[in-house]
């Protein structure tokens, strides 16, 4: 049985972001998919997870964070 490369505790990883500022842990040996950019790594899985926890504090996509608030009270 093969191990999922995303779960390999001894693997080398990258942290990727997309245009919505969403983050992804990505195995270093796998090509970076279109629409994603490397922002951290190559490093250990734990180091990459620590980066994600520190830098991705608002899980909403950027388009929702930047959208005007409906029913916003202007008083």
N, C-alpha and C. Protein backbone atom coordinates (compact mmCIF):
# COMPACT_ATOMS: atom_id res chain seq x y z
N UNK A 1 0.85 -1.19 0.00
CA UNK A 1 0.00 0.00 0.00
C UNK A 1 0.89 1.25 0.00
N UNK A 2 0.60 2.19 -0.88
CA UNK A 2 1.42 3.40 -0.96
C UNK A 2 0.90 4.46 0.00
N UNK A 3 1.81 5.32 0.41
CA UNK A 3 1.48 6.41 1.31
C UNK A 3 1.06 7.63 0.50
N UNK A 4 0.06 8.33 0.98
CA UNK A 4 -0.35 9.58 0.35
C UNK A 4 0.78 10.59 0.54
N UNK A 5 1.33 11.16 -0.54
CA UNK A 5 2.47 12.08 -0.38
C UNK A 5 2.12 13.35 0.39
N UNK A 6 0.84 13.69 0.49
CA UNK A 6 0.44 14.87 1.25
C UNK A 6 0.50 14.61 2.76
N UNK A 7 0.53 13.35 3.16
CA UNK A 7 0.54 12.99 4.57
C UNK A 7 1.88 12.46 5.05
N UNK A 8 2.90 12.49 4.21
CA UNK A 8 4.20 11.91 4.54
C UNK A 8 4.91 12.78 5.58
N UNK A 9 5.05 12.30 6.83
CA UNK A 9 5.68 13.11 7.87
C UNK A 9 7.16 13.39 7.60
N UNK A 10 7.79 12.59 6.75
CA UNK A 10 9.20 12.78 6.43
C UNK A 10 9.41 13.45 5.08
N UNK A 11 8.32 13.84 4.43
CA UNK A 11 8.41 14.44 3.10
C UNK A 11 8.90 15.87 3.13
N UNK A 12 9.24 16.37 1.96
CA UNK A 12 9.63 17.76 1.78
C UNK A 12 8.46 18.45 1.08
N UNK A 13 8.14 19.65 1.56
CA UNK A 13 6.93 20.33 1.11
C UNK A 13 7.18 21.78 0.73
N UNK A 14 6.21 22.33 0.03
CA UNK A 14 6.12 23.74 -0.29
C UNK A 14 4.80 24.25 0.26
N UNK A 15 4.71 25.55 0.45
CA UNK A 15 3.42 26.19 0.71
C UNK A 15 3.10 27.02 -0.52
N UNK A 16 1.90 26.81 -1.05
CA UNK A 16 1.43 27.53 -2.23
C UNK A 16 0.27 28.43 -1.85
N UNK A 17 0.09 29.51 -2.61
CA UNK A 17 -1.12 30.33 -2.49
C UNK A 17 -1.70 30.54 -3.88
N UNK A 18 -3.01 30.79 -3.89
CA UNK A 18 -3.68 31.10 -5.16
C UNK A 18 -4.11 32.56 -5.15
N UNK A 19 -4.83 32.98 -6.18
CA UNK A 19 -5.23 34.39 -6.29
C UNK A 19 -6.26 34.80 -5.24
N UNK A 20 -6.79 33.85 -4.50
CA UNK A 20 -7.73 34.14 -3.41
C UNK A 20 -7.01 34.11 -2.05
N UNK A 21 -5.69 34.04 -2.07
CA UNK A 21 -4.86 33.97 -0.86
C UNK A 21 -5.13 32.71 -0.03
N UNK A 22 -5.65 31.68 -0.67
CA UNK A 22 -5.81 30.40 0.00
C UNK A 22 -4.47 29.68 -0.04
N UNK A 23 -4.15 28.94 1.00
CA UNK A 23 -2.86 28.26 1.12
C UNK A 23 -3.03 26.76 0.92
N UNK A 24 -1.96 26.13 0.44
CA UNK A 24 -1.96 24.69 0.26
C UNK A 24 -0.58 24.14 0.59
N UNK A 25 -0.56 23.05 1.33
CA UNK A 25 0.66 22.29 1.56
C UNK A 25 0.85 21.39 0.35
N UNK A 26 2.04 21.41 -0.27
CA UNK A 26 2.25 20.73 -1.54
C UNK A 26 3.55 19.95 -1.52
N UNK A 27 3.53 18.67 -1.89
CA UNK A 27 4.78 17.90 -1.94
C UNK A 27 5.77 18.56 -2.91
N UNK A 28 7.02 18.68 -2.48
CA UNK A 28 8.02 19.40 -3.27
C UNK A 28 8.31 18.74 -4.61
N UNK A 29 8.12 17.42 -4.70
CA UNK A 29 8.45 16.72 -5.94
C UNK A 29 7.34 16.80 -6.99
N UNK A 30 6.19 17.34 -6.63
CA UNK A 30 5.06 17.44 -7.55
C UNK A 30 5.06 18.83 -8.19
N UNK A 31 4.82 18.89 -9.50
CA UNK A 31 4.77 20.18 -10.20
C UNK A 31 3.71 21.08 -9.57
N UNK A 32 4.03 22.37 -9.50
CA UNK A 32 3.08 23.35 -8.97
C UNK A 32 1.97 23.54 -10.00
N UNK A 33 0.70 23.40 -9.58
CA UNK A 33 -0.40 23.52 -10.54
C UNK A 33 -0.61 24.97 -10.99
N UNK A 34 -1.20 25.11 -12.16
CA UNK A 34 -1.52 26.44 -12.69
C UNK A 34 -2.40 27.19 -11.70
N UNK A 35 -2.13 28.47 -11.55
CA UNK A 35 -2.93 29.30 -10.66
C UNK A 35 -2.40 29.36 -9.23
N UNK A 36 -1.34 28.64 -8.95
CA UNK A 36 -0.76 28.61 -7.60
C UNK A 36 0.68 29.11 -7.67
N UNK A 37 1.13 29.75 -6.58
CA UNK A 37 2.47 30.31 -6.49
C UNK A 37 3.14 29.83 -5.21
N UNK A 38 4.41 29.47 -5.31
CA UNK A 38 5.17 29.07 -4.12
C UNK A 38 5.46 30.29 -3.27
N UNK A 39 5.14 30.21 -1.96
CA UNK A 39 5.43 31.31 -1.04
C UNK A 39 6.36 30.88 0.09
N UNK A 40 6.58 29.57 0.24
CA UNK A 40 7.46 29.08 1.31
C UNK A 40 7.95 27.69 0.97
N UNK A 41 9.17 27.39 1.42
CA UNK A 41 9.74 26.06 1.25
C UNK A 41 10.69 26.04 0.07
N UNK A 42 11.27 25.00 -0.03
CA UNK A 42 11.06 23.62 0.37
C UNK A 42 11.51 23.46 1.82
N UNK A 43 10.70 22.73 2.61
CA UNK A 43 11.01 22.50 4.01
C UNK A 43 10.23 21.28 4.49
N UNK A 44 10.37 20.99 5.78
CA UNK A 44 9.67 19.85 6.37
C UNK A 44 8.17 20.11 6.40
N UNK A 45 7.42 19.06 6.56
CA UNK A 45 5.96 19.18 6.65
C UNK A 45 5.58 20.07 7.84
N UNK A 46 6.23 19.84 8.99
CA UNK A 46 5.93 20.63 10.19
C UNK A 46 6.24 22.11 9.98
N UNK A 47 7.37 22.42 9.35
CA UNK A 47 7.72 23.82 9.11
C UNK A 47 6.72 24.48 8.17
N UNK A 48 6.28 23.75 7.16
CA UNK A 48 5.30 24.30 6.22
C UNK A 48 3.94 24.50 6.90
N UNK A 49 3.54 23.56 7.73
CA UNK A 49 2.28 23.72 8.47
C UNK A 49 2.36 24.92 9.41
N UNK A 50 3.50 25.12 10.06
CA UNK A 50 3.68 26.27 10.94
C UNK A 50 3.56 27.58 10.15
N UNK A 51 4.13 27.60 8.95
CA UNK A 51 4.02 28.78 8.09
C UNK A 51 2.55 29.06 7.77
N UNK A 52 1.82 28.03 7.39
CA UNK A 52 0.41 28.20 7.05
C UNK A 52 -0.37 28.72 8.26
N UNK A 53 -0.14 28.14 9.42
CA UNK A 53 -0.86 28.57 10.63
C UNK A 53 -0.57 30.02 10.97
N UNK A 54 0.64 30.48 10.71
CA UNK A 54 1.03 31.85 11.01
C UNK A 54 0.50 32.85 9.98
N UNK A 55 0.48 32.46 8.72
CA UNK A 55 0.18 33.41 7.65
C UNK A 55 -1.23 33.33 7.07
N UNK A 56 -1.95 32.26 7.31
CA UNK A 56 -3.31 32.14 6.77
C UNK A 56 -4.28 32.20 7.94
N UNK A 57 -4.47 33.39 8.45
CA UNK A 57 -5.28 33.56 9.66
C UNK A 57 -6.75 33.84 9.37
N UNK A 58 -7.05 34.29 8.16
CA UNK A 58 -8.44 34.53 7.76
C UNK A 58 -8.74 33.56 6.62
N UNK A 59 -9.53 32.54 6.90
CA UNK A 59 -9.75 31.47 5.92
C UNK A 59 -10.71 31.85 4.80
N UNK A 60 -11.34 33.02 4.91
CA UNK A 60 -12.22 33.45 3.82
C UNK A 60 -11.40 33.78 2.58
N UNK A 61 -11.91 33.43 1.39
CA UNK A 61 -11.22 33.83 0.17
C UNK A 61 -11.11 35.35 0.09
N UNK A 62 -10.07 35.84 -0.54
CA UNK A 62 -9.82 37.28 -0.65
C UNK A 62 -11.03 38.01 -1.22
N UNK A 63 -11.72 37.42 -2.19
CA UNK A 63 -12.88 38.08 -2.79
C UNK A 63 -13.99 38.32 -1.77
N UNK A 64 -14.13 37.45 -0.79
CA UNK A 64 -15.13 37.67 0.25
C UNK A 64 -14.65 38.68 1.28
N UNK A 65 -13.37 38.66 1.60
CA UNK A 65 -12.83 39.63 2.57
C UNK A 65 -12.94 41.04 2.02
N UNK A 66 -12.77 41.19 0.72
CA UNK A 66 -12.76 42.52 0.10
C UNK A 66 -14.13 42.96 -0.40
N UNK A 67 -15.13 42.10 -0.33
CA UNK A 67 -16.47 42.45 -0.82
C UNK A 67 -17.10 43.49 0.11
N UNK A 68 -17.85 44.42 -0.47
CA UNK A 68 -18.54 45.39 0.38
C UNK A 68 -19.56 44.68 1.28
N UNK A 69 -19.67 45.16 2.48
CA UNK A 69 -20.61 44.56 3.42
C UNK A 69 -22.03 44.98 3.07
N UNK A 70 -22.91 44.01 2.90
CA UNK A 70 -24.32 44.31 2.66
C UNK A 70 -24.94 44.72 3.99
N UNK A 71 -25.87 45.63 3.90
CA UNK A 71 -26.58 46.11 5.09
C UNK A 71 -25.64 46.76 6.09
N UNK A 72 -24.57 47.36 5.61
CA UNK A 72 -23.62 48.02 6.50
C UNK A 72 -24.25 49.28 7.05
N UNK A 73 -24.18 49.45 8.36
CA UNK A 73 -24.72 50.63 9.02
C UNK A 73 -23.71 51.77 8.84
N UNK A 74 -24.12 52.85 8.18
CA UNK A 74 -23.22 53.97 7.93
C UNK A 74 -23.41 55.09 8.93
N UNK A 75 -24.20 54.90 9.96
CA UNK A 75 -24.43 55.96 10.97
C UNK A 75 -23.34 55.99 11.98
